[in-house]
Protein backbone atom coordinates (compact mmCIF):
# COMPACT_ATOMS: atom_id res chain seq x y z
CA THR A 1 21.46 -11.77 5.63
CA GLY A 2 23.52 -13.31 8.65
CA PRO A 3 23.01 -15.50 11.48
CA SER A 4 19.94 -13.90 12.86
CA PRO A 5 18.98 -10.61 11.71
CA ARG A 6 17.48 -8.37 14.18
CA PRO A 7 14.15 -6.78 12.78
CA LEU A 8 13.64 -3.07 11.88
CA LEU A 9 10.73 -1.19 11.66
CA ILE A 10 11.23 1.53 9.60
CA VAL A 11 8.64 4.15 9.25
CA PRO A 12 8.93 7.21 6.94
CA GLY A 13 7.14 10.47 7.62
CA TRP A 14 6.21 13.69 5.41
CA PRO A 15 7.26 14.94 2.88
CA TYR A 16 9.16 11.69 2.00
CA SER A 17 8.75 7.93 1.48
CA PHE A 18 9.81 4.57 1.99
CA HIS A 19 12.34 5.44 -0.91
CA SER A 20 14.03 7.94 1.12
CA TYR A 21 16.20 4.91 2.60
CA SER A 22 17.25 3.50 -0.53
CA ASN A 23 21.05 4.97 0.86
CA THR A 24 20.90 3.48 4.09
CA VAL A 25 18.28 -0.12 3.71
CA GLU A 26 21.54 -2.26 2.36
CA ARG A 27 23.76 -0.73 4.32
CA LEU A 28 21.09 -2.23 7.55
CA ALA A 29 20.06 -5.09 5.63
CA HIS A 30 23.82 -6.19 4.17
CA PRO A 31 26.66 -4.38 6.64
CA GLU A 32 29.21 -6.91 5.02
CA ARG A 33 28.90 -5.86 1.77
CA PHE A 34 30.31 -2.15 3.19
CA GLY A 35 32.80 -3.37 5.31
CA GLY A 36 30.97 -4.16 8.43
CA ARG A 37 29.95 -7.37 10.09
CA VAL A 38 27.36 -9.61 8.99
CA GLU A 39 26.43 -10.19 12.92
CA ASP A 40 25.23 -6.59 12.61
CA ALA A 41 22.62 -7.16 9.98
CA PHE A 42 18.71 -5.84 9.87
CA SER A 43 15.37 -7.01 8.46
CA VAL A 44 14.47 -4.03 7.87
CA VAL A 45 10.38 -3.43 6.77
CA ILE A 46 9.50 -0.43 5.93
CA PRO A 47 5.44 0.57 5.01
CA SER A 48 4.06 3.87 4.29
CA ILE A 49 1.61 5.42 6.23
CA PRO A 50 -1.65 5.02 5.43
CA GLY A 51 -2.75 7.80 2.78
CA PHE A 52 0.66 8.10 1.63
CA GLY A 53 2.22 6.79 -1.65
CA PHE A 54 0.90 3.38 -2.67
CA SER A 55 -0.49 2.57 0.89
CA GLY A 56 -3.80 3.56 -0.29
CA ARG A 57 -6.00 6.09 1.36
CA PRO A 58 -7.89 5.53 4.64
CA ALA A 59 -11.39 5.91 5.11
CA ALA A 60 -11.10 8.70 7.73
CA PRO A 61 -8.49 10.51 8.46
CA MET A 62 -5.74 8.71 10.50
CA GLY A 63 -3.23 9.33 13.40
CA PRO A 64 -0.28 8.14 14.25
CA ARG A 65 -2.07 6.37 17.29
CA ARG A 66 -4.22 3.98 14.98
CA VAL A 67 -0.87 3.68 12.33
CA ALA A 68 1.34 2.49 15.08
CA GLU A 69 -1.90 -0.02 15.97
CA LEU A 70 -1.68 -1.15 12.24
CA PHE A 71 2.51 -1.38 12.25
CA ASP A 72 2.66 -3.20 15.04
CA ASN A 73 -0.12 -5.57 13.65
CA LEU A 74 2.14 -5.65 10.24
CA MET A 75 5.57 -6.85 12.28
CA VAL A 76 3.64 -9.19 14.96
CA GLY A 77 0.64 -10.09 13.48
CA THR A 78 1.33 -10.40 9.64
CA LEU A 79 4.71 -10.99 9.23
CA GLY A 80 5.44 -13.31 12.48
CA TYR A 81 8.18 -11.14 14.58
CA GLU A 82 7.72 -11.19 18.25
CA ARG A 83 9.82 -8.76 19.03
CA TYR A 84 11.23 -5.74 17.26
CA MET A 85 13.31 -2.24 17.01
CA ALA A 86 11.23 1.07 15.59
CA HIS A 87 12.91 4.21 14.19
CA GLY A 88 11.36 7.19 13.15
CA GLY A 89 11.59 11.08 12.25
CA ASP A 90 9.05 13.49 11.35
CA TRP A 91 5.58 11.52 11.66
CA GLY A 92 7.26 8.15 12.04
CA ALA A 93 8.43 9.52 15.60
CA PRO A 94 5.55 10.05 17.64
CA ILE A 95 4.45 6.36 15.73
CA VAL A 96 7.05 4.62 16.76
CA ASP A 97 6.72 6.18 20.41
CA PHE A 98 3.36 5.21 20.89
CA LEU A 99 4.62 1.45 19.73
CA GLY A 100 6.95 2.08 22.84
CA PHE A 101 4.05 3.44 25.21
CA SER A 102 1.51 1.06 23.97
CA ARG A 103 3.41 -2.60 22.90
CA PRO A 104 6.53 -2.72 24.58
CA GLU A 105 6.23 -6.34 25.22
CA HIS A 106 6.43 -6.23 21.70
CA ILE A 107 9.58 -3.42 21.13
CA THR A 108 12.84 -3.81 21.73
CA GLY A 109 13.83 -0.35 21.62
CA VAL A 110 12.52 3.30 19.93
CA HIS A 111 15.87 4.97 18.00
CA LEU A 112 14.07 8.74 17.32
CA THR A 113 15.52 11.20 14.98
CA MET A 114 12.83 13.93 16.44
CA VAL A 115 11.41 14.03 20.01
CA LEU A 116 8.03 15.41 19.33
CA VAL A 117 6.17 13.27 22.31
CA ARG A 118 7.14 14.83 25.38
CA ALA A 119 6.25 15.25 29.10
CA ASP A 120 3.12 16.15 30.03
CA GLY A 121 2.97 19.84 30.62
CA ALA A 122 5.13 20.86 27.65
CA PRO A 123 3.74 19.87 24.27
CA ALA A 124 6.48 20.29 21.08
CA LEU A 125 6.73 23.32 19.19
CA SER A 126 4.08 25.05 21.65
CA GLY A 127 6.61 27.19 23.59
CA LYS A 128 5.40 25.86 27.11
CA MET A 129 7.19 24.07 29.94
CA ALA A 130 6.12 22.33 32.99
CA PRO A 131 6.34 23.85 36.18
CA GLY A 132 10.04 23.59 37.73
CA ALA A 133 11.98 23.65 34.07
CA SER A 134 15.12 24.76 34.34
CA GLU A 135 16.66 27.76 32.81
CA ALA A 136 18.26 25.32 29.82
CA GLU A 137 14.39 23.94 29.24
CA GLN A 138 13.00 27.37 29.17
CA ALA A 139 15.43 28.69 26.20
CA PHE A 140 14.91 25.37 24.05
CA ALA A 141 11.06 26.16 24.55
CA GLY A 142 11.90 29.49 23.27
CA ALA A 143 13.65 29.00 20.57
CA GLU A 144 11.60 26.35 19.47
CA ILE A 145 8.25 28.52 19.29
CA ALA A 146 10.58 31.12 17.85
CA VAL A 147 10.89 28.90 14.75
CA TRP A 148 7.85 27.44 14.44
CA VAL A 149 5.74 30.67 14.27
CA LYS A 150 8.00 31.37 11.31
CA GLU A 151 8.03 28.10 9.83
CA GLY A 152 4.85 26.43 11.10
CA ALA A 153 2.06 27.61 8.96
CA TYR A 154 2.15 24.81 6.44
CA ALA A 155 0.65 22.45 9.24
CA GLN A 156 -1.41 24.85 10.72
CA LEU A 157 -3.43 24.67 7.33
CA ALA A 158 -2.95 20.62 6.92
CA ALA A 159 -4.21 20.18 10.43
CA THR A 160 -6.83 22.50 10.34
CA LYS A 161 -8.28 22.73 6.40
CA PRO A 162 -6.34 19.93 4.83
CA LEU A 163 -8.73 19.98 1.53
CA SER A 164 -7.73 23.41 0.84
CA PRO A 165 -4.18 22.58 -0.49
CA ALA A 166 -5.21 19.90 -1.70
CA TYR A 167 -7.37 20.91 -3.96
CA ALA A 168 -5.12 23.56 -5.23
CA MET A 169 -2.77 20.93 -5.77
CA ALA A 170 -4.62 18.22 -7.50
CA ASP A 171 -3.99 19.96 -10.81
CA SER A 172 -0.43 21.34 -10.45
CA PRO A 173 2.60 19.11 -10.78
CA VAL A 174 4.79 22.31 -10.31
CA GLY A 175 2.60 23.48 -7.00
CA ILE A 176 3.33 20.17 -5.39
CA ALA A 177 7.17 20.38 -6.45
CA ALA A 178 6.87 23.86 -4.48
CA TRP A 179 5.23 22.82 -1.77
CA ILE A 180 7.79 19.43 -0.94
CA VAL A 181 10.69 20.89 -2.42
CA GLU A 182 10.44 24.22 -0.18
CA ALA A 183 10.48 21.67 2.96
CA PHE A 184 13.26 19.61 1.85
CA HIS A 185 15.44 23.08 1.21
CA ALA A 186 14.11 24.64 4.73
CA TRP A 187 14.58 21.77 6.74
CA SER A 188 17.96 20.42 5.55
CA ASP A 189 21.37 21.38 7.15
CA ARG A 190 23.00 23.82 4.50
CA ARG A 191 25.78 24.96 6.81
CA GLU A 192 28.33 23.38 5.44
CA GLN A 193 27.03 22.21 1.79
CA PRO A 194 24.58 23.65 -1.02
CA PHE A 195 20.78 22.66 -1.53
CA GLU A 196 22.27 21.16 -4.93
CA ALA A 197 24.89 18.85 -3.35
CA LEU A 198 22.42 17.07 -0.54
CA PHE A 199 19.89 16.36 -2.80
CA SER A 200 20.04 15.14 -6.41
CA HIS A 201 17.33 15.89 -9.29
CA ASP A 202 16.64 12.37 -9.43
CA GLN A 203 16.21 11.77 -5.18
CA LEU A 204 13.50 15.25 -5.12
CA LEU A 205 12.09 14.55 -8.19
CA THR A 206 11.07 10.77 -7.46
CA GLU A 207 10.38 11.89 -4.02
CA VAL A 208 7.47 14.46 -5.53
CA MET A 209 6.57 11.78 -8.01
CA LEU A 210 5.37 9.64 -5.69
CA TYR A 211 3.09 11.72 -4.12
CA LEU A 212 1.76 13.19 -7.53
CA VAL A 213 1.52 10.10 -9.32
CA SER A 214 -0.56 8.18 -6.52
CA GLY A 215 -2.70 11.12 -5.83
CA SER A 216 -1.29 11.04 -2.39
CA PHE A 217 -0.77 14.49 -1.79
CA GLY A 218 -4.33 15.93 -0.27
CA THR A 219 -4.61 12.49 1.91
CA SER A 220 -1.27 12.79 3.20
CA THR A 221 -2.19 15.47 4.93
CA TRP A 222 -4.92 13.61 6.75
CA ILE A 223 -2.75 12.85 9.54
CA ASP A 224 -2.12 16.47 10.84
CA ALA A 225 -6.01 16.52 11.50
CA ALA A 226 -6.43 13.53 12.62
CA ASP A 227 -3.14 14.02 14.96
CA GLU A 228 -5.16 17.16 16.47
CA GLN A 229 -8.02 14.50 17.30
CA GLU A 230 -5.92 12.02 18.97
CA GLN A 231 -3.60 14.82 20.84
CA PHE A 232 -0.67 11.98 21.50
CA TYR A 233 1.38 15.30 22.35
CA THR A 234 2.79 14.49 25.90
CA VAL A 235 2.71 11.07 28.12
CA PRO A 236 -0.12 11.37 30.89
CA LEU A 237 1.50 12.35 34.08
CA GLY A 238 4.32 10.92 35.98
CA LYS A 239 4.09 8.20 32.59
CA ARG A 240 7.41 8.16 30.42
CA ILE A 241 7.82 5.76 27.74
CA GLU A 242 10.05 2.78 29.43
CA VAL A 243 11.63 0.78 26.74
CA PRO A 244 14.75 2.15 25.69
CA VAL A 245 15.11 4.96 23.52
CA GLY A 246 18.16 6.21 21.25
CA ILE A 247 18.13 9.74 20.01
CA ALA A 248 20.06 10.98 17.59
CA ALA A 249 20.30 14.98 17.36
CA PHE A 250 20.72 16.20 14.24
CA PRO A 251 20.90 19.82 14.05
CA ASP A 252 17.92 20.48 12.11
CA PRO A 253 17.52 24.33 11.68
CA VAL A 254 13.68 24.29 11.84
CA PHE A 255 12.90 21.24 14.20
CA LEU A 256 15.62 21.96 16.69
CA PRO A 257 17.24 18.43 18.60
CA VAL A 258 15.61 18.60 21.68
CA PRO A 259 18.51 18.04 24.60
CA ARG A 260 18.57 14.95 26.47
CA GLU A 261 17.48 17.00 29.44
CA ILE A 262 14.42 16.97 28.10
CA ALA A 263 13.97 13.95 26.74
CA GLU A 264 14.81 11.99 29.04
CA LYS A 265 11.21 13.45 31.10
CA SER A 266 9.33 11.12 28.60
CA HIS A 267 11.78 8.73 27.70
CA ASN A 268 14.14 5.83 29.18
CA VAL A 269 17.29 7.57 27.44
CA VAL A 270 20.10 4.58 27.36
CA HIS A 271 21.32 6.15 23.96
CA TYR A 272 21.76 10.18 22.75
CA THR A 273 24.37 11.07 19.92
CA VAL A 274 24.68 15.28 19.49
CA MET A 275 25.10 14.95 15.25
CA PRO A 276 27.82 17.37 13.65
CA ARG A 277 25.94 17.81 10.54
CA GLY A 278 22.81 16.75 8.93
CA GLY A 279 19.21 18.18 9.51
CA HIS A 280 15.71 16.90 8.59
CA PHE A 281 16.75 14.27 6.29
CA PRO A 282 19.53 12.26 7.63
CA PHE A 283 18.49 9.35 5.22
CA TYR A 284 19.67 12.12 2.12
CA GLU A 285 22.12 13.99 4.17
CA VAL A 286 24.17 11.72 5.77
CA PRO A 287 23.39 8.52 5.84
CA GLU A 288 26.26 7.10 6.97
CA LEU A 289 25.59 9.19 10.29
CA LEU A 290 22.34 7.50 10.02
CA VAL A 291 23.20 3.86 10.07
CA ASP A 292 26.45 3.94 12.62
CA ASP A 293 23.79 5.31 14.93
CA LEU A 294 21.43 2.82 14.83
CA ARG A 295 23.75 0.12 14.53
CA LYS A 296 25.16 1.28 17.79
CA PHE A 297 22.11 1.81 19.43
CA ALA A 298 21.28 -2.01 18.77
CA THR A 299 24.40 -3.04 19.90
CA ALA A 300 23.43 -1.07 23.12
CA ILE A 301 20.44 -2.55 24.17
CA ALA A 302 20.94 -6.48 22.88
CA PRO A 303 22.12 -6.98 26.21
CA GLN A 304 18.98 -6.07 27.93
CA ASN A 305 17.10 -7.83 25.27
CA ASP A 306 19.30 -11.37 25.28
CA ARG A 307 18.74 -11.62 29.41
């Protein structure tokens, strides 16, 4: 609704789906129904990554760069939006980052809940920092790799042997449920609320079933393998993502929120919010905070995009 709703591409990650945004999409598209202003409405587009859910499997593993190209063609070539804002977390984060880096003429702004693309010499989840890093940057890199060493086995398996868990899970609904729900449990912010209060059984079972009935559990891991081939972990030396970037820094216990100091080395950060609560799945955990931050970022970049 609204006189001119702003186009917004939302790219889901793993192990969630388009359905994950059921608590947020109506608030974004129809803010007046929730006490907001109709002028703040978005036209929301939430495609599934190829190989996820009902999107169909690609002919070969497809990484974030190629997915970004497909989604840009969807938004501009198919849907006819000349320019649009893009939001993502998890795999959605590097996908929309690549859109901001490679298609700045189409992207009004990039909004992230994770910063996985970093400055040259300092890839995420590696413990590495570029020469001249501050003590604070070094401390963050150390904390990040310490958590990832404990929690990253699933990603290493998916990146190097993606078919191994795929065959094991192919005939095990309980196995798929355990694999997916464990990630929801480990990556959520459970400091103030128990896991059972953050996610309903219906929400978790829906996410599991979208992978199970579509037969996409195995193909959803292909992006990990393709990412290893593409290597879009850092921007080239002397470059950064120059479109306006907004970051909602949720206290994710596994994918630690990246400090603004680090993010600004690879991104043109114009909006940065330290969130009081919420982990890897803010659309379920704290949907009101996510929607509010998306609106604030869109408002902040509006004057620049109106010029």
